[in-house]
């Protein structure tokens, strides 16, 4: 009994004609390419660059034609394989569909790999140029983050933070500035306020770039910057003592007391004006960051919605692909049976 089953299996296997299957696959691929060229020609004729929507209707027509061309090519391939084999038409038709699917997948993967390699070569050639450009606020520092980086840049593009206090003590006489510098009091040093503003600007730029490369940490980074900004604002431009200013000028100049008092009042007025300007810039920057936090939350919600839409679209596409391939297998097997039947009927005649 076992020997009979083995002989039966071997007999059935020997009836599979791979030459017929190969011919069917070649037929299916050739017709598919031919119909694809026709679809491309039709799409180009439909393209109208002068209209408001140049690609209107092209996507739908291409999708319909793709389904039609796939079915026609499988019909031809299955029929040829069945007719050449003259037996087991369903099996030969099915194997034409299976082999064609595998060949198509391999070709698609090869094309995708080639496209990735070409893209990598282009990116490699551009890297030296891009490296010099990516230095501004919100610029992306890694591939695949361009959309996020652009959004980060948009968040901070409206920032009008100006760290330059325009040398608030330049209107003082040189000997007064030298006297204040020699006093050793840090608040009297010419670059005292300017250095604080520069530190804020450096921290701001560093935070923005950090957000661009680590968007998942955007909220914590912005919160941390706001906390540091608040601390710097509290320390910025603390009141100075007029008595200390008068003492510093008197000890390091030969001016009369009246001239010392006049110089001290002038310096305090300039200092307070610079403090007001600096605090205004700090307040503007704080408002910018707070607005950026709100906009970032909106962007995240939009991104999540887009991700959900893309996932649903991919799921629908996969489902339709499944049904399409299932129908293709049935059609190919059916016409394989028709092809084999014609051969059998021809032999009987």
C-alpha atoms as a PDB file:
ATOM      1  CA  UNK A   1       0.000   0.000   0.000  1.00  0.00           C
ATOM      2  CA  UNK A   2       2.844   2.344   0.860  1.00  0.00           C
ATOM      3  CA  UNK A   3       4.599   1.641  -2.462  1.00  0.00           C
ATOM      4  CA  UNK A   4       1.415   2.400  -4.366  1.00  0.00           C
ATOM      5  CA  UNK A   5       1.044   5.790  -2.610  1.00  0.00           C
ATOM      6  CA  UNK A   6       4.663   6.672  -3.340  1.00  0.00           C
ATOM      7  CA  UNK A   7       4.250   5.812  -7.011  1.00  0.00           C
ATOM      8  CA  UNK A   8       1.031   7.817  -7.138  1.00  0.00           C
ATOM      9  CA  UNK A   9       2.727  10.889  -5.612  1.00  0.00           C
ATOM     10  CA  UNK A  10       5.690  10.538  -7.968  1.00  0.00           C
ATOM     11  CA  UNK A  11       3.296  10.198 -10.879  1.00  0.00           C
ATOM     12  CA  UNK A  12       1.452  13.345  -9.967  1.00  0.00           C
ATOM     13  CA  UNK A  13       4.713  15.252  -9.440  1.00  0.00           C
ATOM     14  CA  UNK A  14       6.030  14.113 -12.817  1.00  0.00           C
ATOM     15  CA  UNK A  15       2.965  15.577 -14.497  1.00  0.00           C
ATOM     16  CA  UNK A  16       3.999  19.130 -13.405  1.00  0.00           C
ATOM     17  CA  UNK A  17       5.633  20.786 -16.397  1.00  0.00           C
ATOM     18  CA  UNK A  18       7.983  23.502 -15.188  1.00  0.00           C
ATOM     19  CA  UNK A  19       8.698  24.449 -18.753  1.00  0.00           C
ATOM     20  CA  UNK A  20       5.003  25.276 -19.203  1.00  0.00           C
ATOM     21  CA  UNK A  21       5.011  27.217 -15.931  1.00  0.00           C
ATOM     22  CA  UNK A  22       8.087  29.154 -17.018  1.00  0.00           C
ATOM     23  CA  UNK A  23       6.424  29.999 -20.320  1.00  0.00           C
ATOM     24  CA  UNK A  24       3.311  31.148 -18.476  1.00  0.00           C
ATOM     25  CA  UNK A  25       5.349  33.346 -16.128  1.00  0.00           C
ATOM     26  CA  UNK A  26       7.197  34.944 -19.051  1.00  0.00           C
ATOM     27  CA  UNK A  27       3.882  35.573 -20.778  1.00  0.00           C
ATOM     28  CA  UNK A  28       2.375  37.158 -17.675  1.00  0.00           C
ATOM     29  CA  UNK A  29       5.396  39.409 -17.056  1.00  0.00           C
ATOM     30  CA  UNK A  30       5.660  40.464 -20.697  1.00  0.00           C
ATOM     31  CA  UNK A  31       1.986  41.401 -20.921  1.00  0.00           C
ATOM     32  CA  UNK A  32       2.211  43.184 -17.558  1.00  0.00           C
ATOM     33  CA  UNK A  33       5.136  45.299 -18.799  1.00  0.00           C
ATOM     34  CA  UNK A  34       3.326  46.030 -22.058  1.00  0.00           C
ATOM     35  CA  UNK A  35       0.161  47.155 -20.296  1.00  0.00           C
ATOM     36  CA  UNK A  36       2.217  49.203 -17.799  1.00  0.00           C
ATOM     37  CA  UNK A  37       3.775  51.126 -20.682  1.00  0.00           C
ATOM     38  CA  UNK A  38       0.290  51.793 -22.016  1.00  0.00           C
ATOM     39  CA  UNK A  39      -0.808  53.001 -18.562  1.00  0.00           C
ATOM     40  CA  UNK A  40       2.180  55.330 -18.391  1.00  0.00           C
ATOM     41  CA  UNK A  41       1.339  56.766 -21.790  1.00  0.00           C
ATOM     42  CA  UNK A  42      -2.289  57.348 -20.797  1.00  0.00           C
ATOM     43  CA  UNK A  43      -1.224  59.012 -17.538  1.00  0.00           C
ATOM     44  CA  UNK A  44       1.135  61.378 -19.357  1.00  0.00           C
ATOM     45  CA  UNK A  45      -1.612  62.340 -21.777  1.00  0.00           C
ATOM     46  CA  UNK A  46      -3.927  63.040 -18.826  1.00  0.00           C
ATOM     47  CA  UNK A  47      -1.337  65.248 -17.097  1.00  0.00           C
ATOM     48  CA  UNK A  48      -2.250  68.893 -17.644  1.00  0.00           C
ATOM     49  CA  UNK A  49       0.285  71.312 -16.093  1.00  0.00           C
ATOM     50  CA  UNK A  50      -1.849  74.342 -16.982  1.00  0.00           C
ATOM     51  CA  UNK A  51      -4.839  73.268 -14.882  1.00  0.00           C
ATOM     52  CA  UNK A  52      -5.399  73.995 -11.193  1.00  0.00           C
ATOM     53  CA  UNK A  53      -5.052  70.274 -10.415  1.00  0.00           C
ATOM     54  CA  UNK A  54      -2.598  68.833 -12.983  1.00  0.00           C
ATOM     55  CA  UNK A  55      -2.865  65.248 -11.675  1.00  0.00           C
ATOM     56  CA  UNK A  56      -6.646  65.136 -11.305  1.00  0.00           C
ATOM     57  CA  UNK A  57      -7.987  61.649 -11.995  1.00  0.00           C
ATOM     58  CA  UNK A  58      -4.605  60.125 -12.761  1.00  0.00           C
ATOM     59  CA  UNK A  59      -4.320  58.200  -9.500  1.00  0.00           C
ATOM     60  CA  UNK A  60      -7.743  56.588  -9.836  1.00  0.00           C
ATOM     61  CA  UNK A  61      -7.227  55.628 -13.458  1.00  0.00           C
ATOM     62  CA  UNK A  62      -3.780  54.201 -12.773  1.00  0.00           C
ATOM     63  CA  UNK A  63      -5.144  52.158  -9.877  1.00  0.00           C
ATOM     64  CA  UNK A  64      -7.969  50.711 -11.979  1.00  0.00           C
ATOM     65  CA  UNK A  65      -5.652  50.004 -14.892  1.00  0.00           C
ATOM     66  CA  UNK A  66      -3.155  48.290 -12.587  1.00  0.00           C
ATOM     67  CA  UNK A  67      -5.824  45.839 -11.422  1.00  0.00           C
ATOM     68  CA  UNK A  68      -7.020  45.240 -14.980  1.00  0.00           C
ATOM     69  CA  UNK A  69      -3.488  44.706 -16.324  1.00  0.00           C
ATOM     70  CA  UNK A  70      -2.668  42.314 -13.480  1.00  0.00           C
ATOM     71  CA  UNK A  71      -5.738  40.199 -14.189  1.00  0.00           C
ATOM     72  CA  UNK A  72      -5.165  40.195 -17.951  1.00  0.00           C
ATOM     73  CA  UNK A  73      -1.525  39.169 -17.572  1.00  0.00           C
ATOM     74  CA  UNK A  74      -2.452  36.367 -15.153  1.00  0.00           C
ATOM     75  CA  UNK A  75      -5.226  35.208 -17.466  1.00  0.00           C
ATOM     76  CA  UNK A  76      -2.756  34.960 -20.361  1.00  0.00           C
ATOM     77  CA  UNK A  77      -0.028  33.350 -18.242  1.00  0.00           C
ATOM     78  CA  UNK A  78      -2.340  30.751 -16.704  1.00  0.00           C
ATOM     79  CA  UNK A  79      -3.888  29.899 -20.042  1.00  0.00           C
ATOM     80  CA  UNK A  80      -0.502  29.453 -21.765  1.00  0.00           C
ATOM     81  CA  UNK A  81       0.817  27.243 -18.957  1.00  0.00           C
ATOM     82  CA  UNK A  82      -2.301  25.078 -18.948  1.00  0.00           C
ATOM     83  CA  UNK A  83      -2.396  24.736 -22.699  1.00  0.00           C
ATOM     84  CA  UNK A  84       1.276  23.783 -22.965  1.00  0.00           C
ATOM     85  CA  UNK A  85       1.067  21.323 -20.073  1.00  0.00           C
ATOM     86  CA  UNK A  86      -2.125  19.705 -21.347  1.00  0.00           C
ATOM     87  CA  UNK A  87      -2.874  18.328 -17.892  1.00  0.00           C
ATOM     88  CA  UNK A  88      -3.384  19.482 -14.309  1.00  0.00           C
ATOM     89  CA  UNK A  89      -4.415  22.913 -15.584  1.00  0.00           C
ATOM     90  CA  UNK A  90      -5.390  24.230 -12.159  1.00  0.00           C
ATOM     91  CA  UNK A  91      -2.022  23.348 -10.640  1.00  0.00           C
ATOM     92  CA  UNK A  92      -0.086  24.865 -13.530  1.00  0.00           C
ATOM     93  CA  UNK A  93      -2.177  28.020 -13.464  1.00  0.00           C
ATOM     94  CA  UNK A  94      -1.727  28.349  -9.707  1.00  0.00           C
ATOM     95  CA  UNK A  95       2.039  27.855  -9.963  1.00  0.00           C
ATOM     96  CA  UNK A  96       2.218  30.545 -12.655  1.00  0.00           C
ATOM     97  CA  UNK A  97       0.548  32.942 -10.237  1.00  0.00           C
ATOM     98  CA  UNK A  98       2.815  31.909  -7.336  1.00  0.00           C
ATOM     99  CA  UNK A  99       6.009  32.133  -9.373  1.00  0.00           C
ATOM    100  CA  UNK A 100       5.001  35.471 -10.901  1.00  0.00           C
ATOM    101  CA  UNK A 101       4.276  36.866  -7.442  1.00  0.00           C
ATOM    102  CA  UNK A 102       7.684  35.779  -6.139  1.00  0.00           C
ATOM    103  CA  UNK A 103       9.482  37.213  -9.190  1.00  0.00           C
ATOM    104  CA  UNK A 104       7.566  40.489  -8.836  1.00  0.00           C
ATOM    105  CA  UNK A 105       8.451  40.746  -5.144  1.00  0.00           C
ATOM    106  CA  UNK A 106      12.133  40.111  -5.903  1.00  0.00           C
ATOM    107  CA  UNK A 107      12.123  42.787  -8.624  1.00  0.00           C
ATOM    108  CA  UNK A 108      10.415  45.295  -6.316  1.00  0.00           C
ATOM    109  CA  UNK A 109      12.956  44.596  -3.546  1.00  0.00           C
ATOM    110  CA  UNK A 110      15.856  44.993  -5.982  1.00  0.00           C
ATOM    111  CA  UNK A 111      14.474  48.289  -7.248  1.00  0.00           C
ATOM    112  CA  UNK A 112      13.945  49.492  -3.678  1.00  0.00           C
ATOM    113  CA  UNK A 113      17.510  48.560  -2.699  1.00  0.00           C
ATOM    114  CA  UNK A 114      18.821  50.341  -5.787  1.00  0.00           C
ATOM    115  CA  UNK A 115      16.816  53.432  -4.907  1.00  0.00           C
ATOM    116  CA  UNK A 116      18.157  53.382  -1.336  1.00  0.00           C
ATOM    117  CA  UNK A 117      21.741  53.074  -2.590  1.00  0.00           C
ATOM    118  CA  UNK A 118      21.240  55.934  -5.036  1.00  0.00           C
ATOM    119  CA  UNK A 119      19.729  58.071  -2.294  1.00  0.00           C
ATOM    120  CA  UNK A 120      22.635  57.250   0.032  1.00  0.00           C
ATOM    121  CA  UNK A 121      25.124  58.282  -2.648  1.00  0.00           C
ATOM    122  CA  UNK A 122      23.331  61.590  -3.160  1.00  0.00           C
ATOM    123  CA  UNK A 123      23.175  62.233   0.574  1.00  0.00           C
ATOM    124  CA  UNK A 124      26.852  61.397   0.882  1.00  0.00           C
ATOM    125  CA  UNK A 125      27.740  63.895  -1.805  1.00  0.00           C
ATOM    126  CA  UNK A 126      25.638  66.539  -0.124  1.00  0.00           C
ATOM    127  CA  UNK A 127      26.892  65.905   3.413  1.00  0.00           C
ATOM    128  CA  UNK A 128      29.779  68.356   3.259  1.00  0.00           C
ATOM    129  CA  UNK A 129      27.502  71.135   2.078  1.00  0.00           C
ATOM    130  CA  UNK A 130      24.729  70.306   4.491  1.00  0.00           C
ATOM    131  CA  UNK A 131      27.189  70.175   7.366  1.00  0.00           C
ATOM    132  CA  UNK A 132      28.037  73.830   6.831  1.00  0.00           C
ATOM    133  CA  UNK A 133      24.424  74.882   6.533  1.00  0.00           C
ATOM    134  CA  UNK A 134      23.014  73.123   9.590  1.00  0.00           C
ATOM    135  CA  UNK A 135      24.033  75.555  12.290  1.00  0.00           C
ATOM    136  CA  UNK A 136      20.987  77.752  12.804  1.00  0.00           C
ATOM    137  CA  UNK A 137      18.257  77.470  15.377  1.00  0.00           C
ATOM    138  CA  UNK A 138      16.020  74.475  14.898  1.00  0.00           C
ATOM    139  CA  UNK A 139      18.040  72.849  12.079  1.00  0.00           C
ATOM    140  CA  UNK A 140      17.995  69.056  11.788  1.00  0.00           C
ATOM    141  CA  UNK A 141      21.157  67.149  12.622  1.00  0.00           C
ATOM    142  CA  UNK A 142      20.130  63.684  11.561  1.00  0.00           C
ATOM    143  CA  UNK A 143      18.541  62.128   8.494  1.00  0.00           C
ATOM    144  CA  UNK A 144      14.904  61.230   8.722  1.00  0.00           C
ATOM    145  CA  UNK A 145      14.074  64.171  10.983  1.00  0.00           C
ATOM    146  CA  UNK A 146      13.605  66.852   8.333  1.00  0.00           C
ATOM    147  CA  UNK A 147       9.886  67.261   8.923  1.00  0.00           C
ATOM    148  CA  UNK A 148      10.360  67.564  12.683  1.00  0.00           C
ATOM    149  CA  UNK A 149      13.341  69.889  12.233  1.00  0.00           C
ATOM    150  CA  UNK A 150      11.316  72.133   9.952  1.00  0.00           C
ATOM    151  CA  UNK A 151       8.581  72.264  12.570  1.00  0.00           C
ATOM    152  CA  UNK A 152      11.121  73.118  15.275  1.00  0.00           C
ATOM    153  CA  UNK A 153      12.525  75.891  13.109  1.00  0.00           C
ATOM    154  CA  UNK A 154       9.014  77.251  12.578  1.00  0.00           C
ATOM    155  CA  UNK A 155       8.469  77.292  16.340  1.00  0.00           C
ATOM    156  CA  UNK A 156      11.427  79.609  16.909  1.00  0.00           C
ATOM    157  CA  UNK A 157      11.490  81.574  13.666  1.00  0.00           C
ATOM    158  CA  UNK A 158       9.369  84.320  15.216  1.00  0.00           C
ATOM    159  CA  UNK A 159      11.826  84.862  18.028  1.00  0.00           C
ATOM    160  CA  UNK A 160      13.097  88.443  17.985  1.00  0.00           C
ATOM    161  CA  UNK A 161      15.500  88.030  20.898  1.00  0.00           C
ATOM    162  CA  UNK A 162      18.260  90.609  20.650  1.00  0.00           C
ATOM    163  CA  UNK A 163      21.190  90.082  23.006  1.00  0.00           C
ATOM    164  CA  UNK A 164      23.055  93.226  21.943  1.00  0.00           C
ATOM    165  CA  UNK A 165      22.793  96.084  24.466  1.00  0.00           C
ATOM    166  CA  UNK A 166      24.710  98.388  22.103  1.00  0.00           C
ATOM    167  CA  UNK A 167      27.455  99.269  24.581  1.00  0.00           C
ATOM    168  CA  UNK A 168      25.328 101.057  27.154  1.00  0.00           C
ATOM    169  CA  UNK A 169      28.389 102.712  28.731  1.00  0.00           C
ATOM    170  CA  UNK A 170      29.885 104.035  25.482  1.00  0.00           C
ATOM    171  CA  UNK A 171      28.495 107.494  26.198  1.00  0.00           C
ATOM    172  CA  UNK A 172      30.679 107.769  29.291  1.00  0.00           C
ATOM    173  CA  UNK A 173      34.042 109.476  29.195  1.00  0.00           C
ATOM    174  CA  UNK A 174      36.995 107.120  28.868  1.00  0.00           C
ATOM    175  CA  UNK A 175      38.375 108.047  32.261  1.00  0.00           C
ATOM    176  CA  UNK A 176      35.015 107.254  33.899  1.00  0.00           C
ATOM    177  CA  UNK A 177      34.886 103.834  32.257  1.00  0.00           C
ATOM    178  CA  UNK A 178      38.473 103.130  33.333  1.00  0.00           C
ATOM    179  CA  UNK A 179      37.649 104.176  36.878  1.00  0.00           C
ATOM    180  CA  UNK A 180      34.681 101.822  37.054  1.00  0.00           C
ATOM    181  CA  UNK A 181      36.741  98.992  35.583  1.00  0.00           C
ATOM    182  CA  UNK A 182      39.510  99.505  38.126  1.00  0.00           C
ATOM    183  CA  UNK A 183      37.044  99.400  40.999  1.00  0.00           C
ATOM    184  CA  UNK A 184      36.915  95.590  40.763  1.00  0.00           C
ATOM    185  CA  UNK A 185      33.127  95.579  41.282  1.00  0.00           C
ATOM    186  CA  UNK A 186      31.669  93.054  38.774  1.00  0.00           C
ATOM    187  CA  UNK A 187      28.477  95.095  38.235  1.00  0.00           C
ATOM    188  CA  UNK A 188      30.599  98.055  37.074  1.00  0.00           C
ATOM    189  CA  UNK A 189      32.508  96.108  34.421  1.00  0.00           C
ATOM    190  CA  UNK A 190      31.622  97.179  30.843  1.00  0.00           C
ATOM    191  CA  UNK A 191      30.698  93.643  29.705  1.00  0.00           C
ATOM    192  CA  UNK A 192      28.758  92.667  32.822  1.00  0.00           C
ATOM    193  CA  UNK A 193      25.218  92.941  31.416  1.00  0.00           C
ATOM    194  CA  UNK A 194      26.253  91.994  27.894  1.00  0.00           C
ATOM    195  CA  UNK A 195      27.808  88.738  29.095  1.00  0.00           C
ATOM    196  CA  UNK A 196      24.555  87.744  30.786  1.00  0.00           C
ATOM    197  CA  UNK A 197      22.619  88.410  27.577  1.00  0.00           C
ATOM    198  CA  UNK A 198      25.128  86.396  25.553  1.00  0.00           C
ATOM    199  CA  UNK A 199      24.781  83.457  27.950  1.00  0.00           C
ATOM    200  CA  UNK A 200      21.006  83.508  27.471  1.00  0.00           C
ATOM    201  CA  UNK A 201      21.394  83.540  23.692  1.00  0.00           C
ATOM    202  CA  UNK A 202      23.865  80.632  23.723  1.00  0.00           C
ATOM    203  CA  UNK A 203      21.580  78.632  25.980  1.00  0.00           C
ATOM    204  CA  UNK A 204      18.622  79.375  23.705  1.00  0.00           C
ATOM    205  CA  UNK A 205      20.454  78.249  20.543  1.00  0.00           C
ATOM    206  CA  UNK A 206      21.753  75.125  22.263  1.00  0.00           C
ATOM    207  CA  UNK A 207      18.281  74.209  23.531  1.00  0.00           C
ATOM    208  CA  UNK A 208      16.686  74.738  20.106  1.00  0.00           C
ATOM    209  CA  UNK A 209      19.257  72.507  18.407  1.00  0.00           C
ATOM    210  CA  UNK A 210      18.829  69.885  21.113  1.00  0.00           C
ATOM    211  CA  UNK A 211      15.077  69.885  20.529  1.00  0.00           C
ATOM    212  CA  UNK A 212      15.608  69.460  16.779  1.00  0.00           C
ATOM    213  CA  UNK A 213      17.689  66.307  17.296  1.00  0.00           C
ATOM    214  CA  UNK A 214      15.685  64.956  20.268  1.00  0.00           C
ATOM    215  CA  UNK A 215      12.056  65.972  19.555  1.00  0.00           C
ATOM    216  CA  UNK A 216      10.658  63.434  22.026  1.00  0.00           C
ATOM    217  CA  UNK A 217      12.287  65.493  24.803  1.00  0.00           C
ATOM    218  CA  UNK A 218      10.989  68.826  23.460  1.00  0.00           C
ATOM    219  CA  UNK A 219       8.690  69.635  26.365  1.00  0.00           C
ATOM    220  CA  UNK A 220      11.233  68.822  29.083  1.00  0.00           C
ATOM    221  CA  UNK A 221      13.932  70.786  27.230  1.00  0.00           C
ATOM    222  CA  UNK A 222      11.703  73.838  26.879  1.00  0.00           C
ATOM    223  CA  UNK A 223      10.631  73.602  30.519  1.00  0.00           C
ATOM    224  CA  UNK A 224      14.263  73.402  31.595  1.00  0.00           C
ATOM    225  CA  UNK A 225      15.184  76.421  29.496  1.00  0.00           C
ATOM    226  CA  UNK A 226      12.274  78.454  30.908  1.00  0.00           C
ATOM    227  CA  UNK A 227      13.405  77.620  34.436  1.00  0.00           C
ATOM    228  CA  UNK A 228      16.975  78.716  33.695  1.00  0.00           C
ATOM    229  CA  UNK A 229      15.682  81.838  31.944  1.00  0.00           C
ATOM    230  CA  UNK A 230      13.599  82.782  34.973  1.00  0.00           C
ATOM    231  CA  UNK A 231      16.599  82.411  37.274  1.00  0.00           C
ATOM    232  CA  UNK A 232      18.736  84.530  34.968  1.00  0.00           C
ATOM    233  CA  UNK A 233      15.991  87.162  34.730  1.00  0.00           C
ATOM    234  CA  UNK A 234      15.826  87.378  38.523  1.00  0.00           C
ATOM    235  CA  UNK A 235      19.594  87.928  38.711  1.00  0.00           C
ATOM    236  CA  UNK A 236      19.829  90.208  35.670  1.00  0.00           C
ATOM    237  CA  UNK A 237      20.602  93.872  36.322  1.00  0.00           C
ATOM    238  CA  UNK A 238      20.336  93.888  40.083  1.00  0.00           C
ATOM    239  CA  UNK A 239      20.214  97.359  41.549  1.00  0.00           C
ATOM    240  CA  UNK A 240      23.550  99.046  42.063  1.00  0.00           C
ATOM    241  CA  UNK A 241      24.377 101.455  44.875  1.00  0.00           C
ATOM    242  CA  UNK A 242      24.883 105.070  43.891  1.00  0.00           C
ATOM    243  CA  UNK A 243      27.229 105.422  46.826  1.00  0.00           C
ATOM    244  CA  UNK A 244      29.422 102.598  45.459  1.00  0.00           C
ATOM    245  CA  UNK A 245      29.478 104.240  42.013  1.00  0.00           C
ATOM    246  CA  UNK A 246      30.506 107.590  43.492  1.00  0.00           C
ATOM    247  CA  UNK A 247      33.195 105.886  45.549  1.00  0.00           C
ATOM    248  CA  UNK A 248      34.571 103.994  42.543  1.00  0.00           C
ATOM    249  CA  UNK A 249      34.796 107.158  40.417  1.00  0.00           C
ATOM    250  CA  UNK A 250      36.270 109.285  43.251  1.00  0.00           C
ATOM    251  CA  UNK A 251      38.996 106.762  44.079  1.00  0.00           C
ATOM    252  CA  UNK A 252      40.141 106.328  40.491  1.00  0.00           C
ATOM    253  CA  UNK A 253      39.865 109.850  38.999  1.00  0.00           C
ATOM    254  CA  UNK A 254      40.882 113.400  39.797  1.00  0.00           C
ATOM    255  CA  UNK A 255      37.390 114.824  39.189  1.00  0.00           C
ATOM    256  CA  UNK A 256      35.749 117.290  41.556  1.00  0.00           C
ATOM    257  CA  UNK A 257      32.899 116.113  43.725  1.00  0.00           C
ATOM    258  CA  UNK A 258      30.334 117.816  41.500  1.00  0.00           C
ATOM    259  CA  UNK A 259      31.794 116.124  38.408  1.00  0.00           C
ATOM    260  CA  UNK A 260      31.848 112.788  40.224  1.00  0.00           C
ATOM    261  CA  UNK A 261      28.159 113.137  41.160  1.00  0.00           C
ATOM    262  CA  UNK A 262      27.253 114.070  37.582  1.00  0.00           C
ATOM    263  CA  UNK A 263      29.205 111.110  36.165  1.00  0.00           C
ATOM    264  CA  UNK A 264      27.630 108.730  38.694  1.00  0.00           C
ATOM    265  CA  UNK A 265      24.095 109.865  37.808  1.00  0.00           C
ATOM    266  CA  UNK A 266      24.857 109.507  34.094  1.00  0.00           C
ATOM    267  CA  UNK A 267      26.223 105.996  34.539  1.00  0.00           C
ATOM    268  CA  UNK A 268      23.277 104.870  36.696  1.00  0.00           C
ATOM    269  CA  UNK A 269      20.804 106.200  34.105  1.00  0.00           C
ATOM    270  CA  UNK A 270      22.602 104.308  31.300  1.00  0.00           C
ATOM    271  CA  UNK A 271      22.812 101.151  33.415  1.00  0.00           C
ATOM    272  CA  UNK A 272      19.096 101.231  34.303  1.00  0.00           C
ATOM    273  CA  UNK A 273      18.149 101.831  30.671  1.00  0.00           C
ATOM    274  CA  UNK A 274      20.221  98.834  29.585  1.00  0.00           C
ATOM    275  CA  UNK A 275      18.600  96.720  32.310  1.00  0.00           C
ATOM    276  CA  UNK A 276      15.119  97.685  31.092  1.00  0.00           C
ATOM    277  CA  UNK A 277      16.007  96.822  27.496  1.00  0.00           C
ATOM    278  CA  UNK A 278      17.540  93.505  28.527  1.00  0.00           C
ATOM    279  CA  UNK A 279      14.559  92.492  30.647  1.00  0.00           C
ATOM    280  CA  UNK A 280      12.208  93.379  27.788  1.00  0.00           C
ATOM    281  CA  UNK A 281      14.161  91.059  25.496  1.00  0.00           C
ATOM    282  CA  UNK A 282      14.092  88.318  28.131  1.00  0.00           C
ATOM    283  CA  UNK A 283      10.321  88.710  28.524  1.00  0.00           C
ATOM    284  CA  UNK A 284       9.906  88.458  24.742  1.00  0.00           C
ATOM    285  CA  UNK A 285      11.983  85.293  24.661  1.00  0.00           C
ATOM    286  CA  UNK A 286       9.986  83.782  27.504  1.00  0.00           C
ATOM    287  CA  UNK A 287       6.763  84.480  25.603  1.00  0.00           C
ATOM    288  CA  UNK A 288       8.252  82.909  22.484  1.00  0.00           C
ATOM    289  CA  UNK A 289       9.077  79.694  24.334  1.00  0.00           C
ATOM    290  CA  UNK A 290       5.638  79.524  25.898  1.00  0.00           C
ATOM    291  CA  UNK A 291       4.031  79.951  22.481  1.00  0.00           C
ATOM    292  CA  UNK A 292       6.367  77.292  21.120  1.00  0.00           C
ATOM    293  CA  UNK A 293       5.203  74.875  23.818  1.00  0.00           C
ATOM    294  CA  UNK A 294       1.579  75.370  22.802  1.00  0.00           C
ATOM    295  CA  UNK A 295       2.371  75.017  19.091  1.00  0.00           C
ATOM    296  CA  UNK A 296       4.436  71.910  19.775  1.00  0.00           C
ATOM    297  CA  UNK A 297       1.509  70.247  21.522  1.00  0.00           C
ATOM    298  CA  UNK A 298      -0.683  71.003  18.505  1.00  0.00           C
ATOM    299  CA  UNK A 299       1.981  69.634  16.172  1.00  0.00           C
ATOM    300  CA  UNK A 300       2.215  66.408  18.185  1.00  0.00           C
ATOM    301  CA  UNK A 301      -1.547  65.934  18.028  1.00  0.00           C
ATOM    302  CA  UNK A 302      -1.522  66.497  14.276  1.00  0.00           C
ATOM    303  CA  UNK A 303       1.381  64.069  13.885  1.00  0.00           C
ATOM    304  CA  UNK A 304      -0.460  61.413  15.903  1.00  0.00           C
ATOM    305  CA  UNK A 305      -3.564  61.891  13.780  1.00  0.00           C
ATOM    306  CA  UNK A 306      -1.526  61.623  10.593  1.00  0.00           C
ATOM    307  CA  UNK A 307       0.153  58.479  11.902  1.00  0.00           C
ATOM    308  CA  UNK A 308      -3.230  56.957  12.672  1.00  0.00           C
ATOM    309  CA  UNK A 309      -4.529  57.863   9.209  1.00  0.00           C
ATOM    310  CA  UNK A 310      -1.416  56.390   7.594  1.00  0.00           C
ATOM    311  CA  UNK A 311      -1.782  53.187   9.623  1.00  0.00           C
ATOM    312  CA  UNK A 312      -5.430  52.820   8.637  1.00  0.00           C
ATOM    313  CA  UNK A 313      -4.551  53.466   4.994  1.00  0.00           C
ATOM    314  CA  UNK A 314      -1.803  50.838   5.152  1.00  0.00           C
ATOM    315  CA  UNK A 315      -4.210  48.354   6.734  1.00  0.00           C
ATOM    316  CA  UNK A 316      -6.798  48.960   4.012  1.00  0.00           C
ATOM    317  CA  UNK A 317      -4.122  48.674   1.347  1.00  0.00           C
ATOM    318  CA  UNK A 318      -2.893  45.369   2.794  1.00  0.00           C
ATOM    319  CA  UNK A 319      -6.457  44.034   2.912  1.00  0.00           C
ATOM    320  CA  UNK A 320      -7.154  45.003  -0.683  1.00  0.00           C
ATOM    321  CA  UNK A 321      -3.809  43.512  -1.716  1.00  0.00           C
ATOM    322  CA  UNK A 322      -4.786  40.246  -0.066  1.00  0.00           C
ATOM    323  CA  UNK A 323      -8.084  40.066  -1.922  1.00  0.00           C
ATOM    324  CA  UNK A 324      -6.394  41.140  -5.148  1.00  0.00           C
ATOM    325  CA  UNK A 325      -3.793  38.386  -4.925  1.00  0.00           C
ATOM    326  CA  UNK A 326      -6.460  35.852  -3.963  1.00  0.00           C
ATOM    327  CA  UNK A 327      -8.557  36.788  -6.985  1.00  0.00           C
ATOM    328  CA  UNK A 328      -5.421  36.666  -9.150  1.00  0.00           C
ATOM    329  CA  UNK A 329      -4.677  33.128  -7.972  1.00  0.00           C
ATOM    330  CA  UNK A 330      -8.233  31.988  -8.695  1.00  0.00           C
ATOM    331  CA  UNK A 331      -8.289  33.622 -12.140  1.00  0.00           C
ATOM    332  CA  UNK A 332      -4.890  32.185 -13.069  1.00  0.00           C
ATOM    333  CA  UNK A 333      -5.862  28.679 -11.941  1.00  0.00           C
ATOM    334  CA  UNK A 334      -9.212  28.883 -13.743  1.00  0.00           C
ATOM    335  CA  UNK A 335      -7.668  29.857 -17.068  1.00  0.00           C
ATOM    336  CA  UNK A 336      -5.017  27.222 -16.555  1.00  0.00           C
ATOM    337  CA  UNK A 337      -7.858  24.692 -16.467  1.00  0.00           C
ATOM    338  CA  UNK A 338      -9.320  26.185 -19.681  1.00  0.00           C
ATOM    339  CA  UNK A 339      -5.934  25.997 -21.413  1.00  0.00           C
ATOM    340  CA  UNK A 340      -5.404  22.383 -20.403  1.00  0.00           C
ATOM    341  CA  UNK A 341      -8.961  21.492 -21.454  1.00  0.00           C
ATOM    342  CA  UNK A 342      -8.398  22.922 -24.934  1.00  0.00           C
ATOM    343  CA  UNK A 343      -5.249  20.821 -25.317  1.00  0.00           C
ATOM    344  CA  UNK A 344      -7.040  17.680 -24.179  1.00  0.00           C
ATOM    345  CA  UNK A 345      -9.998  18.336 -26.488  1.00  0.00           C
ATOM    346  CA  UNK A 346      -7.615  18.986 -29.378  1.00  0.00           C
ATOM    347  CA  UNK A 347      -5.891  15.631 -28.809  1.00  0.00           C
ATOM    348  CA  UNK A 348      -9.223  13.839 -28.662  1.00  0.00           C
ATOM    349  CA  UNK A 349     -10.175  15.295 -32.005  1.00  0.00           C
END
